[in-house]
Structure formats: structure tokens, C-alpha cells
Amino acid sequence: MNISKAIELGKQENWIDACSRVNPSDSKQWYIMLTDRDKKSYILVNDDEVPLTSEDLNSFVPILKEVGLKAFSVIF
């Protein structure tokens, strides 16, 4: 899910959950999965369709706030 679209859908309260998971290709990196009201999951990507990844889970907090979520889970 493109971050711009995710923010737009977040304003409509479309997201019910978010979780951060370990990147399968790099165990030091994390990525975000959003779940919508229809229980469909999406990997959060930038405007170039590249998944947003980080080694620091705290860096996701402002992004998830902007998407309209107040909490997220971490899955190892």
C-alpha cells in the first residue's frame, strides 16, 4: 500500500491494525503491514513502491500516527 494512499484511507478510519515484522531478506530490518476493515493486509511502501523498512522500530511511530493508528504490534 502506497503511503500516500494509506494516509488518505486512514483519514476515513480504514485501518484496524498494524504490525511490524522482520524483513525476510534482512533480519536486522523491519517492515510494516497494515490491516483494513475487510481484514486484508498490505505492506506499506513509499511512492516508488519500495517497502518502508527500518532497523529502528521507533522510526515507524510518526508514520503510523500519520496513517491514523495509535498502536502497532511487533512480530518476531
C-alpha atoms as a PDB file:
ATOM      1  CA  MET A   1       0.000   0.000   0.000  1.00  0.00           C
ATOM      2  CA  ASN A   2       1.442   3.311  -1.105  1.00  0.00           C
ATOM      3  CA  ILE A   3       1.970   5.610   1.896  1.00  0.00           C
ATOM      4  CA  SER A   4       0.033   8.489   0.289  1.00  0.00           C
ATOM      5  CA  LYS A   5      -2.966   6.221  -0.276  1.00  0.00           C
ATOM      6  CA  ALA A   6      -2.601   4.757   3.237  1.00  0.00           C
ATOM      7  CA  ILE A   7      -2.789   8.251   4.753  1.00  0.00           C
ATOM      8  CA  GLU A   8      -5.862   9.052   2.660  1.00  0.00           C
ATOM      9  CA  LEU A   9      -7.568   5.812   3.752  1.00  0.00           C
ATOM     10  CA  GLY A  10      -6.509   6.442   7.351  1.00  0.00           C
ATOM     11  CA  LYS A  11      -8.475   9.680   7.360  1.00  0.00           C
ATOM     12  CA  GLN A  12     -11.521   7.530   6.577  1.00  0.00           C
ATOM     13  CA  GLU A  13     -10.643   5.256   9.526  1.00  0.00           C
ATOM     14  CA  ASN A  14      -9.977   2.340   7.172  1.00  0.00           C
ATOM     15  CA  TRP A  15      -7.166   0.714   9.196  1.00  0.00           C
ATOM     16  CA  ILE A  16      -7.890  -1.565  12.124  1.00  0.00           C
ATOM     17  CA  ASP A  17      -4.380  -2.829  12.834  1.00  0.00           C
ATOM     18  CA  ALA A  18      -0.707  -2.506  12.006  1.00  0.00           C
ATOM     19  CA  CYS A  19       2.184  -4.771  12.800  1.00  0.00           C
ATOM     20  CA  SER A  20       5.882  -4.664  12.214  1.00  0.00           C
ATOM     21  CA  ARG A  21       7.624  -7.821  11.059  1.00  0.00           C
ATOM     22  CA  VAL A  22      11.205  -8.854  10.440  1.00  0.00           C
ATOM     23  CA  ASN A  23      12.253  -8.427   6.825  1.00  0.00           C
ATOM     24  CA  PRO A  24      12.817 -11.964   5.433  1.00  0.00           C
ATOM     25  CA  SER A  25      15.747 -10.780   3.323  1.00  0.00           C
ATOM     26  CA  ASP A  26      17.489  -8.872   6.154  1.00  0.00           C
ATOM     27  CA  SER A  27      16.913  -9.945   9.755  1.00  0.00           C
ATOM     28  CA  LYS A  28      18.060  -6.525  11.057  1.00  0.00           C
ATOM     29  CA  GLN A  29      15.302  -4.670   9.221  1.00  0.00           C
ATOM     30  CA  TRP A  30      11.592  -4.370   9.939  1.00  0.00           C
ATOM     31  CA  TYR A  31       8.647  -3.525   7.696  1.00  0.00           C
ATOM     32  CA  ILE A  32       5.029  -2.526   8.329  1.00  0.00           C
ATOM     33  CA  MET A  33       1.868  -4.413   7.444  1.00  0.00           C
ATOM     34  CA  LEU A  34      -1.491  -2.633   7.637  1.00  0.00           C
ATOM     35  CA  THR A  35      -4.818  -4.447   8.009  1.00  0.00           C
ATOM     36  CA  ASP A  36      -8.025  -2.855   6.777  1.00  0.00           C
ATOM     37  CA  ARG A  37     -11.656  -3.266   7.874  1.00  0.00           C
ATOM     38  CA  ASP A  38     -12.077  -6.134   5.378  1.00  0.00           C
ATOM     39  CA  LYS A  39      -9.185  -7.992   7.088  1.00  0.00           C
ATOM     40  CA  LYS A  40      -6.928  -7.541   4.039  1.00  0.00           C
ATOM     41  CA  SER A  41      -3.254  -6.914   4.771  1.00  0.00           C
ATOM     42  CA  TYR A  42      -0.904  -4.601   2.897  1.00  0.00           C
ATOM     43  CA  ILE A  43       2.808  -3.926   3.101  1.00  0.00           C
ATOM     44  CA  LEU A  44       3.411  -0.195   3.468  1.00  0.00           C
ATOM     45  CA  VAL A  45       5.537   1.143   0.590  1.00  0.00           C
ATOM     46  CA  ASN A  46       6.891   4.558  -0.418  1.00  0.00           C
ATOM     47  CA  ASP A  47       5.849   6.477  -3.523  1.00  0.00           C
ATOM     48  CA  ASP A  48       8.350   4.463  -5.584  1.00  0.00           C
ATOM     49  CA  GLU A  49       6.655   1.202  -4.489  1.00  0.00           C
ATOM     50  CA  VAL A  50       9.643   0.201  -2.316  1.00  0.00           C
ATOM     51  CA  PRO A  51       8.666  -1.283   1.078  1.00  0.00           C
ATOM     52  CA  LEU A  52       9.345   1.025   4.012  1.00  0.00           C
ATOM     53  CA  THR A  53      11.941  -0.685   6.179  1.00  0.00           C
ATOM     54  CA  SER A  54      13.970   0.349   9.191  1.00  0.00           C
ATOM     55  CA  GLU A  55      16.309  -1.110  11.782  1.00  0.00           C
ATOM     56  CA  ASP A  56      14.682   1.169  14.387  1.00  0.00           C
ATOM     57  CA  LEU A  57      11.072   0.338  15.285  1.00  0.00           C
ATOM     58  CA  ASN A  58      10.660   3.812  16.809  1.00  0.00           C
ATOM     59  CA  SER A  59      11.005   5.339  13.345  1.00  0.00           C
ATOM     60  CA  PHE A  60       7.624   3.832  12.430  1.00  0.00           C
ATOM     61  CA  VAL A  61       5.718   5.701  15.149  1.00  0.00           C
ATOM     62  CA  PRO A  62       5.313   9.040  13.273  1.00  0.00           C
ATOM     63  CA  ILE A  63       4.401   7.181  10.077  1.00  0.00           C
ATOM     64  CA  LEU A  64       1.707   5.140  11.788  1.00  0.00           C
ATOM     65  CA  LYS A  65       0.319   8.232  13.515  1.00  0.00           C
ATOM     66  CA  GLU A  66       0.061   9.900  10.125  1.00  0.00           C
ATOM     67  CA  VAL A  67      -1.749   6.839   8.772  1.00  0.00           C
ATOM     68  CA  GLY A  68      -4.244   7.182  11.628  1.00  0.00           C
ATOM     69  CA  LEU A  69      -3.198   4.437  14.042  1.00  0.00           C
ATOM     70  CA  LYS A  70      -2.415   4.796  17.729  1.00  0.00           C
ATOM     71  CA  ALA A  71      -0.714   1.436  18.301  1.00  0.00           C
ATOM     72  CA  PHE A  72       1.012  -1.367  16.457  1.00  0.00           C
ATOM     73  CA  SER A  73       2.288  -4.811  17.297  1.00  0.00           C
ATOM     74  CA  VAL A  74       5.698  -6.327  16.705  1.00  0.00           C
ATOM     75  CA  ILE A  75       6.008  -9.860  15.360  1.00  0.00           C
ATOM     76  CA  PHE A  76       9.361 -11.623  15.535  1.00  0.00           C
END
